Amino acid sequence: MTKALIQQLSSAKAARSSLQSCSNDVINTILAEIATKLEAGTETILAANQLDLAAITSNDPIHDRVQ
């Protein structure tokens, strides 16, 4: 694992602990904000996905998950 990935996983673990003490309303607000950001970044995400697909062969096990 790269150092950046380890840091992201550590941050996610810390966020999980914080979220456990939040109300359902707060969690729903956070999820709605995440959804909005994902929708706003759809073109960028799909373009990155196409680059990933171009970098692997169709018989690569990850191909079906990326496609």
PDB file of N, CA and C in Angstrom:
ATOM      1  N   MET A   1       0.840  -1.188   0.000  1.00  0.00           N
ATOM      2  CA  MET A   1       0.000   0.000   0.000  1.00  0.00           C
ATOM      3  C   MET A   1       0.881   1.246   0.000  1.00  0.00           C
ATOM      4  N   THR A   2       0.398   2.254  -0.702  1.00  0.00           N
ATOM      5  CA  THR A   2       1.154   3.496  -0.739  1.00  0.00           C
ATOM      6  C   THR A   2       0.895   4.296   0.529  1.00  0.00           C
ATOM      7  N   LYS A   3       1.785   5.217   0.795  1.00  0.00           N
ATOM      8  CA  LYS A   3       1.643   6.068   1.980  1.00  0.00           C
ATOM      9  C   LYS A   3       0.347   6.882   1.915  1.00  0.00           C
ATOM     10  N   ALA A   4       0.002   7.364   0.724  1.00  0.00           N
ATOM     11  CA  ALA A   4      -1.222   8.160   0.553  1.00  0.00           C
ATOM     12  C   ALA A   4      -2.465   7.319   0.851  1.00  0.00           C
ATOM     13  N   LEU A   5      -2.475   6.072   0.389  1.00  0.00           N
ATOM     14  CA  LEU A   5      -3.615   5.199   0.634  1.00  0.00           C
ATOM     15  C   LEU A   5      -3.749   4.890   2.122  1.00  0.00           C
ATOM     16  N   ILE A   6      -2.642   4.631   2.764  1.00  0.00           N
ATOM     17  CA  ILE A   6      -2.666   4.371   4.208  1.00  0.00           C
ATOM     18  C   ILE A   6      -3.226   5.579   4.950  1.00  0.00           C
ATOM     19  N   GLN A   7      -2.846   6.775   4.537  1.00  0.00           N
ATOM     20  CA  GLN A   7      -3.359   7.996   5.168  1.00  0.00           C
ATOM     21  C   GLN A   7      -4.855   8.144   4.939  1.00  0.00           C
ATOM     22  N   GLN A   8      -5.317   7.850   3.728  1.00  0.00           N
ATOM     23  CA  GLN A   8      -6.749   7.943   3.431  1.00  0.00           C
ATOM     24  C   GLN A   8      -7.543   6.941   4.261  1.00  0.00           C
ATOM     25  N   LEU A   9      -7.025   5.731   4.396  1.00  0.00           N
ATOM     26  CA  LEU A   9      -7.707   4.725   5.199  1.00  0.00           C
ATOM     27  C   LEU A   9      -7.752   5.131   6.671  1.00  0.00           C
ATOM     28  N   SER A  10      -6.673   5.716   7.142  1.00  0.00           N
ATOM     29  CA  SER A  10      -6.628   6.197   8.522  1.00  0.00           C
ATOM     30  C   SER A  10      -7.647   7.309   8.737  1.00  0.00           C
ATOM     31  N   SER A  11      -7.758   8.204   7.777  1.00  0.00           N
ATOM     32  CA  SER A  11      -8.737   9.292   7.862  1.00  0.00           C
ATOM     33  C   SER A  11     -10.166   8.749   7.838  1.00  0.00           C
ATOM     34  N   ALA A  12     -10.402   7.742   7.010  1.00  0.00           N
ATOM     35  CA  ALA A  12     -11.734   7.136   6.940  1.00  0.00           C
ATOM     36  C   ALA A  12     -12.093   6.474   8.265  1.00  0.00           C
ATOM     37  N   LYS A  13     -11.119   5.825   8.867  1.00  0.00           N
ATOM     38  CA  LYS A  13     -11.365   5.180  10.165  1.00  0.00           C
ATOM     39  C   LYS A  13     -11.705   6.220  11.227  1.00  0.00           C
ATOM     40  N   ALA A  14     -11.001   7.330  11.221  1.00  0.00           N
ATOM     41  CA  ALA A  14     -11.278   8.405  12.179  1.00  0.00           C
ATOM     42  C   ALA A  14     -12.663   8.998  11.937  1.00  0.00           C
ATOM     43  N   ALA A  15     -13.023   9.159  10.671  1.00  0.00           N
ATOM     44  CA  ALA A  15     -14.349   9.702  10.339  1.00  0.00           C
ATOM     45  C   ALA A  15     -15.448   8.750  10.798  1.00  0.00           C
ATOM     46  N   ARG A  16     -15.202   7.466  10.654  1.00  0.00           N
ATOM     47  CA  ARG A  16     -16.192   6.481  11.091  1.00  0.00           C
ATOM     48  C   ARG A  16     -16.493   6.649  12.574  1.00  0.00           C
ATOM     49  N   SER A  17     -15.454   6.825  13.365  1.00  0.00           N
ATOM     50  CA  SER A  17     -15.638   7.011  14.809  1.00  0.00           C
ATOM     51  C   SER A  17     -16.451   8.263  15.095  1.00  0.00           C
ATOM     52  N   SER A  18     -16.197   9.320  14.365  1.00  0.00           N
ATOM     53  CA  SER A  18     -16.941  10.564  14.557  1.00  0.00           C
ATOM     54  C   SER A  18     -18.399  10.410  14.151  1.00  0.00           C
ATOM     55  N   LEU A  19     -18.639   9.708  13.059  1.00  0.00           N
ATOM     56  CA  LEU A  19     -20.005   9.535  12.558  1.00  0.00           C
ATOM     57  C   LEU A  19     -20.871   8.689  13.487  1.00  0.00           C
ATOM     58  N   GLN A  20     -20.250   7.817  14.237  1.00  0.00           N
ATOM     59  CA  GLN A  20     -21.016   6.953  15.139  1.00  0.00           C
ATOM     60  C   GLN A  20     -21.774   7.758  16.195  1.00  0.00           C
ATOM     61  N   SER A  21     -21.269   8.934  16.501  1.00  0.00           N
ATOM     62  CA  SER A  21     -21.931   9.750  17.526  1.00  0.00           C
ATOM     63  C   SER A  21     -22.897  10.788  16.932  1.00  0.00           C
ATOM     64  N   CYS A  22     -23.046  10.791  15.607  1.00  0.00           N
ATOM     65  CA  CYS A  22     -23.928  11.759  14.949  1.00  0.00           C
ATOM     66  C   CYS A  22     -25.361  11.251  14.893  1.00  0.00           C
ATOM     67  N   SER A  23     -26.285  12.193  14.853  1.00  0.00           N
ATOM     68  CA  SER A  23     -27.699  11.848  14.697  1.00  0.00           C
ATOM     69  C   SER A  23     -27.961  11.405  13.257  1.00  0.00           C
ATOM     70  N   ASN A  24     -29.094  10.760  13.063  1.00  0.00           N
ATOM     71  CA  ASN A  24     -29.477  10.351  11.707  1.00  0.00           C
ATOM     72  C   ASN A  24     -29.616  11.543  10.773  1.00  0.00           C
ATOM     73  N   ASP A  25     -30.115  12.659  11.286  1.00  0.00           N
ATOM     74  CA  ASP A  25     -30.261  13.859  10.456  1.00  0.00           C
ATOM     75  C   ASP A  25     -28.909  14.353   9.957  1.00  0.00           C
ATOM     76  N   VAL A  26     -27.921  14.353  10.829  1.00  0.00           N
ATOM     77  CA  VAL A  26     -26.573  14.801  10.444  1.00  0.00           C
ATOM     78  C   VAL A  26     -25.988  13.842   9.411  1.00  0.00           C
ATOM     79  N   ILE A  27     -26.118  12.545   9.642  1.00  0.00           N
ATOM     80  CA  ILE A  27     -25.600  11.554   8.701  1.00  0.00           C
ATOM     81  C   ILE A  27     -26.298  11.689   7.346  1.00  0.00           C
ATOM     82  N   ASN A  28     -27.610  11.884   7.351  1.00  0.00           N
ATOM     83  CA  ASN A  28     -28.335  12.058   6.093  1.00  0.00           C
ATOM     84  C   ASN A  28     -27.883  13.305   5.349  1.00  0.00           C
ATOM     85  N   THR A  29     -27.603  14.374   6.079  1.00  0.00           N
ATOM     86  CA  THR A  29     -27.095  15.597   5.458  1.00  0.00           C
ATOM     87  C   THR A  29     -25.731  15.352   4.822  1.00  0.00           C
ATOM     88  N   ILE A  30     -24.877  14.653   5.539  1.00  0.00           N
ATOM     89  CA  ILE A  30     -23.540  14.333   5.012  1.00  0.00           C
ATOM     90  C   ILE A  30     -23.662  13.477   3.756  1.00  0.00           C
ATOM     91  N   LEU A  31     -24.511  12.457   3.794  1.00  0.00           N
ATOM     92  CA  LEU A  31     -24.695  11.596   2.630  1.00  0.00           C
ATOM     93  C   LEU A  31     -25.249  12.370   1.436  1.00  0.00           C
ATOM     94  N   ALA A  32     -26.164  13.290   1.684  1.00  0.00           N
ATOM     95  CA  ALA A  32     -26.711  14.114   0.601  1.00  0.00           C
ATOM     96  C   ALA A  32     -25.626  14.986  -0.017  1.00  0.00           C
ATOM     97  N   GLU A  33     -24.746  15.536   0.812  1.00  0.00           N
ATOM     98  CA  GLU A  33     -23.643  16.363   0.300  1.00  0.00           C
ATOM     99  C   GLU A  33     -22.681  15.521  -0.531  1.00  0.00           C
ATOM    100  N   ILE A  34     -22.398  14.303  -0.068  1.00  0.00           N
ATOM    101  CA  ILE A  34     -21.524  13.407  -0.835  1.00  0.00           C
ATOM    102  C   ILE A  34     -22.154  13.092  -2.183  1.00  0.00           C
ATOM    103  N   ALA A  35     -23.450  12.792  -2.189  1.00  0.00           N
ATOM    104  CA  ALA A  35     -24.154  12.488  -3.436  1.00  0.00           C
ATOM    105  C   ALA A  35     -24.100  13.669  -4.402  1.00  0.00           C
ATOM    106  N   THR A  36     -24.295  14.866  -3.883  1.00  0.00           N
ATOM    107  CA  THR A  36     -24.242  16.071  -4.719  1.00  0.00           C
ATOM    108  C   THR A  36     -22.864  16.229  -5.347  1.00  0.00           C
ATOM    109  N   LYS A  37     -21.821  16.017  -4.552  1.00  0.00           N
ATOM    110  CA  LYS A  37     -20.452  16.150  -5.082  1.00  0.00           C
ATOM    111  C   LYS A  37     -20.141  15.070  -6.103  1.00  0.00           C
ATOM    112  N   LEU A  38     -20.617  13.849  -5.857  1.00  0.00           N
ATOM    113  CA  LEU A  38     -20.414  12.774  -6.833  1.00  0.00           C
ATOM    114  C   LEU A  38     -21.125  13.096  -8.148  1.00  0.00           C
ATOM    115  N   GLU A  39     -22.340  13.574  -8.055  1.00  0.00           N
ATOM    116  CA  GLU A  39     -23.088  13.931  -9.263  1.00  0.00           C
ATOM    117  C   GLU A  39     -22.401  15.067 -10.018  1.00  0.00           C
ATOM    118  N   ALA A  40     -21.874  16.033  -9.291  1.00  0.00           N
ATOM    119  CA  ALA A  40     -21.181  17.153  -9.932  1.00  0.00           C
ATOM    120  C   ALA A  40     -19.894  16.689 -10.617  1.00  0.00           C
ATOM    121  N   GLY A  41     -19.302  15.634 -10.106  1.00  0.00           N
ATOM    122  CA  GLY A  41     -18.052  15.130 -10.667  1.00  0.00           C
ATOM    123  C   GLY A  41     -18.220  13.967 -11.619  1.00  0.00           C
ATOM    124  N   THR A  42     -19.448  13.721 -12.071  1.00  0.00           N
ATOM    125  CA  THR A  42     -19.725  12.559 -12.918  1.00  0.00           C
ATOM    126  C   THR A  42     -18.840  12.514 -14.157  1.00  0.00           C
ATOM    127  N   GLU A  43     -18.714  13.623 -14.863  1.00  0.00           N
ATOM    128  CA  GLU A  43     -17.908  13.640 -16.092  1.00  0.00           C
ATOM    129  C   GLU A  43     -16.452  13.298 -15.796  1.00  0.00           C
ATOM    130  N   THR A  44     -15.911  13.849 -14.726  1.00  0.00           N
ATOM    131  CA  THR A  44     -14.522  13.583 -14.356  1.00  0.00           C
ATOM    132  C   THR A  44     -14.343  12.119 -13.964  1.00  0.00           C
ATOM    133  N   ILE A  45     -15.295  11.597 -13.205  1.00  0.00           N
ATOM    134  CA  ILE A  45     -15.226  10.200 -12.765  1.00  0.00           C
ATOM    135  C   ILE A  45     -15.289   9.259 -13.963  1.00  0.00           C
ATOM    136  N   LEU A  46     -16.221   9.521 -14.883  1.00  0.00           N
ATOM    137  CA  LEU A  46     -16.357   8.663 -16.058  1.00  0.00           C
ATOM    138  C   LEU A  46     -15.132   8.752 -16.971  1.00  0.00           C
ATOM    139  N   ALA A  47     -14.538   9.925 -17.091  1.00  0.00           N
ATOM    140  CA  ALA A  47     -13.325  10.070 -17.902  1.00  0.00           C
ATOM    141  C   ALA A  47     -12.169   9.279 -17.285  1.00  0.00           C
ATOM    142  N   ALA A  48     -12.038   9.343 -15.969  1.00  0.00           N
ATOM    143  CA  ALA A  48     -10.995   8.573 -15.287  1.00  0.00           C
ATOM    144  C   ALA A  48     -11.252   7.079 -15.444  1.00  0.00           C
ATOM    145  N   ASN A  49     -12.506   6.697 -15.415  1.00  0.00           N
ATOM    146  CA  ASN A  49     -12.872   5.297 -15.599  1.00  0.00           C
ATOM    147  C   ASN A  49     -12.449   4.815 -16.984  1.00  0.00           C
ATOM    148  N   GLN A  50     -12.666   5.639 -17.995  1.00  0.00           N
ATOM    149  CA  GLN A  50     -12.265   5.274 -19.356  1.00  0.00           C
ATOM    150  C   GLN A  50     -10.748   5.098 -19.452  1.00  0.00           C
ATOM    151  N   LEU A  51     -10.002   5.946 -18.767  1.00  0.00           N
ATOM    152  CA  LEU A  51      -8.541   5.798 -18.743  1.00  0.00           C
ATOM    153  C   LEU A  51      -8.148   4.486 -18.075  1.00  0.00           C
ATOM    154  N   ASP A  52      -8.837   4.148 -16.992  1.00  0.00           N
ATOM    155  CA  ASP A  52      -8.564   2.883 -16.310  1.00  0.00           C
ATOM    156  C   ASP A  52      -8.857   1.700 -17.223  1.00  0.00           C
ATOM    157  N   LEU A  53      -9.991   1.757 -17.926  1.00  0.00           N
ATOM    158  CA  LEU A  53     -10.346   0.677 -18.841  1.00  0.00           C
ATOM    159  C   LEU A  53      -9.319   0.528 -19.963  1.00  0.00           C
ATOM    160  N   ALA A  54      -8.819   1.640 -20.457  1.00  0.00           N
ATOM    161  CA  ALA A  54      -7.837   1.603 -21.539  1.00  0.00           C
ATOM    162  C   ALA A  54      -6.504   1.006 -21.080  1.00  0.00           C
ATOM    163  N   ALA A  55      -6.251   1.065 -19.784  1.00  0.00           N
ATOM    164  CA  ALA A  55      -4.978   0.587 -19.250  1.00  0.00           C
ATOM    165  C   ALA A  55      -4.982  -0.904 -18.917  1.00  0.00           C
ATOM    166  N   ILE A  56      -6.147  -1.564 -19.013  1.00  0.00           N
ATOM    167  CA  ILE A  56      -6.216  -2.985 -18.689  1.00  0.00           C
ATOM    168  C   ILE A  56      -6.806  -3.765 -19.855  1.00  0.00           C
ATOM    169  N   THR A  57      -6.545  -5.054 -19.874  1.00  0.00           N
ATOM    170  CA  THR A  57      -7.100  -5.902 -20.925  1.00  0.00           C
ATOM    171  C   THR A  57      -8.503  -6.362 -20.528  1.00  0.00           C
ATOM    172  N   SER A  58      -9.283  -6.757 -21.511  1.00  0.00           N
ATOM    173  CA  SER A  58     -10.666  -7.169 -21.244  1.00  0.00           C
ATOM    174  C   SER A  58     -10.749  -8.458 -20.431  1.00  0.00           C
ATOM    175  N   ASN A  59      -9.669  -9.252 -20.387  1.00  0.00           N
ATOM    176  CA  ASN A  59      -9.694 -10.475 -19.590  1.00  0.00           C
ATOM    177  C   ASN A  59      -9.145 -10.262 -18.182  1.00  0.00           C
ATOM    178  N   ASP A  60      -8.785  -9.039 -17.852  1.00  0.00           N
ATOM    179  CA  ASP A  60      -8.360  -8.709 -16.486  1.00  0.00           C
ATOM    180  C   ASP A  60      -9.563  -8.811 -15.563  1.00  0.00           C
ATOM    181  N   PRO A  61      -9.434  -9.487 -14.425  1.00  0.00           N
ATOM    182  CA  PRO A  61     -10.576  -9.667 -13.527  1.00  0.00           C
ATOM    183  C   PRO A  61     -11.237  -8.351 -13.074  1.00  0.00           C
ATOM    184  N   ILE A  62     -10.491  -7.288 -13.021  1.00  0.00           N
ATOM    185  CA  ILE A  62     -11.056  -6.014 -12.577  1.00  0.00           C
ATOM    186  C   ILE A  62     -11.859  -5.321 -13.694  1.00  0.00           C
ATOM    187  N   HIS A  63     -11.682  -5.751 -14.926  1.00  0.00           N
ATOM    188  CA  HIS A  63     -12.326  -5.097 -16.065  1.00  0.00           C
ATOM    189  C   HIS A  63     -13.839  -4.992 -15.882  1.00  0.00           C
ATOM    190  N   ASP A  64     -14.481  -6.078 -15.471  1.00  0.00           N
ATOM    191  CA  ASP A  64     -15.933  -6.050 -15.298  1.00  0.00           C
ATOM    192  C   ASP A  64     -16.380  -5.079 -14.223  1.00  0.00           C
ATOM    193  N   ARG A  65     -15.571  -4.894 -13.205  1.00  0.00           N
ATOM    194  CA  ARG A  65     -15.945  -3.973 -12.120  1.00  0.00           C
ATOM    195  C   ARG A  65     -15.731  -2.518 -12.516  1.00  0.00           C
ATOM    196  N   VAL A  66     -14.786  -2.265 -13.401  1.00  0.00           N
ATOM    197  CA  VAL A  66     -14.484  -0.903 -13.826  1.00  0.00           C
ATOM    198  C   VAL A  66     -15.421  -0.472 -14.944  1.00  0.00           C
ATOM    199  N   GLN A  67     -15.856  -1.436 -15.743  1.00  0.00           N
ATOM    200  CA  GLN A  67     -16.682  -1.147 -16.921  1.00  0.00           C
ATOM    201  C   GLN A  67     -18.007  -0.560 -16.583  1.00  0.00           C
TER     202      GLN A  67
END
